[in-house]
Amino acid sequence: MLSHMVYFTLKDSSDEACQKLVDAGQKFLKPHDGIQFFAVGRVAPEFERPVNDRDFHVALHVVFDTKESHDVYQVSANHLAFIQQGKDNWEHVRVFDAYVD
């Protein structure tokens, strides 16, 4: 399986802007073939240990059954629409891909 984790730092990090990105993730990214696990949400404010990286506002976690499913997702109309709708408010995006069991 391929774990695709994306962390968004937003220019406008208001409650409304964060929720808009979460909602867009649910609408555009969740319904794809090959997804084994999907979650999108906001940074958890209560975790402030020295080891916690808090340099993001919204996190997206998608686990695909195969690399090929991930590759199809990357160029899908829904994924491209998600990017188009949100990119103007993205200050920084970090992507972590890893093979997991």
N, C-alpha and C. Protein backbone atom coordinates (compact mmCIF):
# COMPACT_ATOMS: atom_id res chain seq x y z
N MET A 1 0.84 -1.18 0.00
CA MET A 1 0.00 0.00 0.00
C MET A 1 0.89 1.24 0.00
N LEU A 2 0.33 2.33 -0.52
CA LEU A 2 1.05 3.60 -0.56
C LEU A 2 0.31 4.62 0.30
N SER A 3 1.00 5.16 1.29
CA SER A 3 0.44 6.19 2.15
C SER A 3 0.84 7.55 1.60
N HIS A 4 -0.16 8.38 1.34
CA HIS A 4 0.03 9.72 0.76
C HIS A 4 -0.46 10.72 1.80
N MET A 5 0.46 11.44 2.43
CA MET A 5 0.12 12.37 3.49
C MET A 5 0.48 13.78 3.04
N VAL A 6 -0.48 14.70 3.14
CA VAL A 6 -0.28 16.06 2.67
C VAL A 6 -0.65 17.02 3.81
N TYR A 7 0.24 17.97 4.07
CA TYR A 7 0.04 18.95 5.14
C TYR A 7 0.00 20.34 4.53
N PHE A 8 -1.11 21.04 4.75
CA PHE A 8 -1.35 22.36 4.17
C PHE A 8 -1.19 23.45 5.21
N THR A 9 -0.33 24.43 4.92
CA THR A 9 -0.25 25.66 5.70
C THR A 9 -0.97 26.71 4.86
N LEU A 10 -1.95 27.36 5.46
CA LEU A 10 -2.81 28.27 4.72
C LEU A 10 -2.44 29.73 4.95
N LYS A 11 -2.67 30.54 3.93
CA LYS A 11 -2.50 31.99 4.07
C LYS A 11 -3.57 32.54 5.01
N ASP A 12 -4.81 32.16 4.75
CA ASP A 12 -5.94 32.51 5.62
C ASP A 12 -6.26 31.24 6.40
N SER A 13 -5.91 31.22 7.68
CA SER A 13 -6.12 30.02 8.49
C SER A 13 -7.33 30.15 9.42
N SER A 14 -8.27 31.00 9.03
CA SER A 14 -9.49 31.16 9.82
C SER A 14 -10.25 29.83 9.88
N ASP A 15 -11.16 29.73 10.84
CA ASP A 15 -11.98 28.52 10.96
C ASP A 15 -12.70 28.23 9.65
N GLU A 16 -13.22 29.27 9.03
CA GLU A 16 -13.97 29.10 7.79
C GLU A 16 -13.08 28.58 6.66
N ALA A 17 -11.89 29.12 6.54
CA ALA A 17 -10.98 28.70 5.47
C ALA A 17 -10.50 27.27 5.68
N CYS A 18 -10.21 26.92 6.92
CA CYS A 18 -9.79 25.54 7.20
C CYS A 18 -10.93 24.57 6.90
N GLN A 19 -12.14 24.91 7.33
CA GLN A 19 -13.28 24.02 7.08
C GLN A 19 -13.57 23.90 5.58
N LYS A 20 -13.38 24.98 4.84
CA LYS A 20 -13.58 24.94 3.39
C LYS A 20 -12.64 23.94 2.74
N LEU A 21 -11.38 23.90 3.19
CA LEU A 21 -10.42 22.95 2.63
C LEU A 21 -10.77 21.52 3.02
N VAL A 22 -11.18 21.31 4.27
CA VAL A 22 -11.60 19.99 4.71
C VAL A 22 -12.79 19.51 3.88
N ASP A 23 -13.77 20.37 3.70
CA ASP A 23 -14.96 20.02 2.92
C ASP A 23 -14.61 19.71 1.47
N ALA A 24 -13.70 20.48 0.90
CA ALA A 24 -13.28 20.23 -0.49
C ALA A 24 -12.58 18.88 -0.59
N GLY A 25 -11.77 18.54 0.40
CA GLY A 25 -11.12 17.23 0.40
C GLY A 25 -12.14 16.11 0.41
N GLN A 26 -13.14 16.23 1.26
CA GLN A 26 -14.21 15.22 1.32
C GLN A 26 -14.93 15.10 -0.02
N LYS A 27 -15.23 16.24 -0.62
CA LYS A 27 -16.00 16.26 -1.86
C LYS A 27 -15.20 15.73 -3.05
N PHE A 28 -13.99 16.22 -3.23
CA PHE A 28 -13.23 15.94 -4.44
C PHE A 28 -12.28 14.74 -4.34
N LEU A 29 -11.75 14.47 -3.15
CA LEU A 29 -10.67 13.49 -3.06
C LEU A 29 -11.09 12.13 -2.53
N LYS A 30 -12.10 12.10 -1.72
CA LYS A 30 -12.50 10.84 -1.10
C LYS A 30 -13.02 9.80 -2.10
N PRO A 31 -13.81 10.19 -3.08
CA PRO A 31 -14.42 9.18 -3.95
C PRO A 31 -13.51 8.74 -5.12
N HIS A 32 -12.42 8.04 -4.80
CA HIS A 32 -11.52 7.54 -5.84
C HIS A 32 -11.31 6.04 -5.67
N ASP A 33 -11.22 5.35 -6.80
CA ASP A 33 -10.93 3.93 -6.77
C ASP A 33 -9.56 3.69 -6.17
N GLY A 34 -9.43 2.61 -5.45
CA GLY A 34 -8.15 2.21 -4.90
C GLY A 34 -7.82 2.78 -3.54
N ILE A 35 -8.69 3.62 -2.99
CA ILE A 35 -8.43 4.19 -1.65
C ILE A 35 -8.83 3.16 -0.59
N GLN A 36 -7.88 2.85 0.28
CA GLN A 36 -8.11 1.94 1.39
C GLN A 36 -8.47 2.69 2.67
N PHE A 37 -7.96 3.91 2.80
CA PHE A 37 -8.23 4.75 3.96
C PHE A 37 -8.17 6.20 3.52
N PHE A 38 -9.09 7.00 4.03
CA PHE A 38 -9.13 8.43 3.71
C PHE A 38 -9.49 9.21 4.97
N ALA A 39 -8.75 10.28 5.23
CA ALA A 39 -9.09 11.18 6.33
C ALA A 39 -8.53 12.56 6.01
N VAL A 40 -9.28 13.58 6.39
CA VAL A 40 -8.83 14.96 6.25
C VAL A 40 -9.35 15.73 7.45
N GLY A 41 -8.50 16.57 8.03
CA GLY A 41 -8.92 17.32 9.20
C GLY A 41 -7.90 18.38 9.61
N ARG A 42 -8.23 19.07 10.67
CA ARG A 42 -7.42 20.21 11.14
C ARG A 42 -6.42 19.77 12.19
N VAL A 43 -5.37 20.55 12.34
CA VAL A 43 -4.36 20.28 13.36
C VAL A 43 -5.04 20.19 14.73
N ALA A 44 -4.58 19.24 15.53
CA ALA A 44 -5.14 19.05 16.87
C ALA A 44 -4.43 20.00 17.84
N PRO A 45 -5.14 21.02 18.33
CA PRO A 45 -4.49 22.08 19.11
C PRO A 45 -3.92 21.63 20.45
N GLU A 46 -4.41 20.53 21.00
CA GLU A 46 -3.97 20.14 22.34
C GLU A 46 -2.62 19.41 22.37
N PHE A 47 -2.07 19.07 21.20
CA PHE A 47 -0.80 18.37 21.17
C PHE A 47 0.34 19.36 20.94
N GLU A 48 1.00 19.75 22.00
CA GLU A 48 2.05 20.77 21.93
C GLU A 48 3.36 20.27 22.52
N ARG A 49 3.62 18.97 22.38
CA ARG A 49 4.89 18.43 22.87
C ARG A 49 6.02 18.91 21.97
N PRO A 50 7.25 18.93 22.47
CA PRO A 50 8.39 19.37 21.65
C PRO A 50 8.55 18.58 20.35
N VAL A 51 8.08 17.35 20.31
CA VAL A 51 8.24 16.53 19.10
C VAL A 51 7.13 16.75 18.07
N ASN A 52 6.08 17.46 18.44
CA ASN A 52 4.96 17.70 17.52
C ASN A 52 5.29 18.81 16.53
N ASP A 53 5.18 18.49 15.25
CA ASP A 53 5.31 19.48 14.18
C ASP A 53 3.93 20.10 14.01
N ARG A 54 3.81 21.38 14.26
CA ARG A 54 2.52 22.06 14.18
C ARG A 54 2.50 23.13 13.09
N ASP A 55 3.37 22.97 12.13
CA ASP A 55 3.49 23.95 11.05
C ASP A 55 2.54 23.63 9.90
N PHE A 56 1.27 23.43 10.24
CA PHE A 56 0.24 23.17 9.23
C PHE A 56 -1.12 23.48 9.84
N HIS A 57 -2.11 23.62 8.99
CA HIS A 57 -3.47 23.87 9.45
C HIS A 57 -4.40 22.71 9.14
N VAL A 58 -4.19 22.06 7.99
CA VAL A 58 -5.04 20.95 7.55
C VAL A 58 -4.16 19.80 7.10
N ALA A 59 -4.54 18.57 7.50
CA ALA A 59 -3.81 17.37 7.11
C ALA A 59 -4.72 16.46 6.29
N LEU A 60 -4.15 15.86 5.26
CA LEU A 60 -4.85 14.90 4.41
C LEU A 60 -4.07 13.60 4.44
N HIS A 61 -4.76 12.50 4.72
CA HIS A 61 -4.13 11.18 4.75
C HIS A 61 -4.92 10.25 3.84
N VAL A 62 -4.26 9.73 2.83
CA VAL A 62 -4.90 8.79 1.91
C VAL A 62 -3.97 7.59 1.77
N VAL A 63 -4.53 6.40 1.94
CA VAL A 63 -3.77 5.18 1.73
C VAL A 63 -4.37 4.47 0.52
N PHE A 64 -3.54 4.25 -0.48
CA PHE A 64 -3.95 3.60 -1.73
C PHE A 64 -3.55 2.13 -1.71
N ASP A 65 -4.31 1.32 -2.42
CA ASP A 65 -3.98 -0.10 -2.50
C ASP A 65 -2.70 -0.35 -3.29
N THR A 66 -2.45 0.50 -4.30
CA THR A 66 -1.26 0.34 -5.14
C THR A 66 -0.72 1.71 -5.55
N LYS A 67 0.50 1.72 -6.01
CA LYS A 67 1.09 2.94 -6.58
C LYS A 67 0.29 3.37 -7.81
N GLU A 68 -0.16 2.41 -8.57
CA GLU A 68 -0.92 2.72 -9.79
C GLU A 68 -2.21 3.47 -9.46
N SER A 69 -2.90 3.09 -8.40
CA SER A 69 -4.11 3.81 -7.98
C SER A 69 -3.77 5.25 -7.61
N HIS A 70 -2.65 5.43 -6.92
CA HIS A 70 -2.18 6.76 -6.57
C HIS A 70 -1.91 7.58 -7.83
N ASP A 71 -1.25 6.97 -8.80
CA ASP A 71 -0.89 7.68 -10.02
C ASP A 71 -2.12 8.13 -10.80
N VAL A 72 -3.16 7.30 -10.84
CA VAL A 72 -4.42 7.67 -11.51
C VAL A 72 -5.07 8.82 -10.76
N TYR A 73 -5.07 8.75 -9.43
CA TYR A 73 -5.63 9.81 -8.57
C TYR A 73 -4.96 11.16 -8.85
N GLN A 74 -3.64 11.16 -9.00
CA GLN A 74 -2.89 12.40 -9.17
C GLN A 74 -3.34 13.20 -10.40
N VAL A 75 -3.75 12.53 -11.45
CA VAL A 75 -4.13 13.23 -12.69
C VAL A 75 -5.65 13.23 -12.92
N SER A 76 -6.41 12.79 -11.92
CA SER A 76 -7.86 12.73 -12.07
C SER A 76 -8.47 14.14 -12.08
N ALA A 77 -9.62 14.25 -12.72
CA ALA A 77 -10.32 15.54 -12.80
C ALA A 77 -10.65 16.07 -11.40
N ASN A 78 -11.06 15.18 -10.49
CA ASN A 78 -11.41 15.63 -9.13
C ASN A 78 -10.19 16.16 -8.38
N HIS A 79 -9.06 15.50 -8.50
CA HIS A 79 -7.85 15.97 -7.82
C HIS A 79 -7.42 17.32 -8.38
N LEU A 80 -7.47 17.46 -9.69
CA LEU A 80 -7.09 18.73 -10.32
C LEU A 80 -8.07 19.84 -9.94
N ALA A 81 -9.37 19.52 -9.80
CA ALA A 81 -10.36 20.51 -9.37
C ALA A 81 -10.10 20.94 -7.93
N PHE A 82 -9.73 19.99 -7.07
CA PHE A 82 -9.38 20.30 -5.68
C PHE A 82 -8.22 21.29 -5.63
N ILE A 83 -7.19 21.03 -6.41
CA ILE A 83 -6.03 21.92 -6.45
C ILE A 83 -6.43 23.30 -6.95
N GLN A 84 -7.17 23.34 -8.04
CA GLN A 84 -7.57 24.61 -8.64
C GLN A 84 -8.39 25.44 -7.66
N GLN A 85 -9.29 24.79 -6.94
CA GLN A 85 -10.18 25.51 -6.01
C GLN A 85 -9.41 26.06 -4.82
N GLY A 86 -8.39 25.35 -4.34
CA GLY A 86 -7.77 25.74 -3.09
C GLY A 86 -6.41 26.39 -3.16
N LYS A 87 -5.69 26.25 -4.26
CA LYS A 87 -4.27 26.62 -4.30
C LYS A 87 -3.97 28.08 -3.99
N ASP A 88 -4.89 28.98 -4.25
CA ASP A 88 -4.64 30.39 -3.98
C ASP A 88 -4.48 30.68 -2.49
N ASN A 89 -5.01 29.80 -1.64
CA ASN A 89 -4.89 30.00 -0.19
C ASN A 89 -3.79 29.12 0.43
N TRP A 90 -3.05 28.39 -0.37
CA TRP A 90 -2.00 27.53 0.17
C TRP A 90 -0.69 28.29 0.24
N GLU A 91 -0.20 28.49 1.43
CA GLU A 91 1.10 29.13 1.61
C GLU A 91 2.22 28.12 1.43
N HIS A 92 1.99 26.92 1.97
CA HIS A 92 3.01 25.87 1.90
C HIS A 92 2.32 24.52 1.93
N VAL A 93 2.77 23.61 1.08
CA VAL A 93 2.22 22.25 1.04
C VAL A 93 3.38 21.28 1.14
N ARG A 94 3.27 20.35 2.07
CA ARG A 94 4.29 19.31 2.22
C ARG A 94 3.63 17.96 1.95
N VAL A 95 4.29 17.14 1.14
CA VAL A 95 3.75 15.84 0.76
C VAL A 95 4.74 14.77 1.20
N PHE A 96 4.21 13.73 1.85
CA PHE A 96 5.00 12.59 2.30
C PHE A 96 4.36 11.33 1.75
N ASP A 97 5.10 10.60 0.93
CA ASP A 97 4.62 9.33 0.38
C ASP A 97 5.49 8.22 0.92
N ALA A 98 4.86 7.13 1.37
CA ALA A 98 5.60 6.01 1.93
C ALA A 98 4.86 4.71 1.64
N TYR A 99 5.61 3.67 1.36
CA TYR A 99 5.01 2.34 1.26
C TYR A 99 4.81 1.81 2.67
N VAL A 100 3.61 1.33 2.94
CA VAL A 100 3.26 0.83 4.27
C VAL A 100 2.59 -0.53 4.16
N ASP A 101 2.64 -1.28 5.25
CA ASP A 101 1.95 -2.59 5.31
C ASP A 101 0.71 -2.48 6.12
